[in-house]
């Protein structure tokens, strides 16, 4: 199965004090570069990064990295805009090359989610109809696997900061327990 990584990094990070695509750990580790490495090391054949707030500065952080980069011009609407932009870009690429069977959606602000979590979710992909979601001690979290058959439905329903939440409520994903690997906690406040 071919799984494309989709790194959502468009948010302004207002509670953090700046765009999440430009955030880094106290030791200087870039969240953006870490997210790319986690997706690649976890088994994603290709990676697309969705930028928004601070897009030009974030491109500089990426440097010559070969990841595909798209900008969600309506990023200030919330995660839904980023998700729509990323899935639309993946779908448009299918005109020139075979589309991935699924997209594995990772948020840039999940510092303890590593390649082992991504690999466990990639292993759950059984074709373009796949829907899977990481769970931490039974609670649904991120990353999320969206099989290609679901992209149009997610794009049609992703609004505001709800992302794919409404779609996944109507089409329950398989929960893949990852609590033994990470907490899945996002970092929204100042570091």
Foldseek 3Di string as FASTA:
>chain_A
DAEEEEEEQADQLVQAPGGLLQDDDPVRHGLVVQSVCQLVLLPHPAYEYEYHGPVVVSCVVCPPPPHHYDYQPVCVFAPLSSLLRRLVVQVVCCVVPNGGQKYWYDYSQQVQDGSVNSNLVVVQDDGQCAWEAEAAVNHTADGIIHGVVCSVVQNVPRTGHCRSVVVCVVVPHHYRYDNVRGRRDGDSHHD
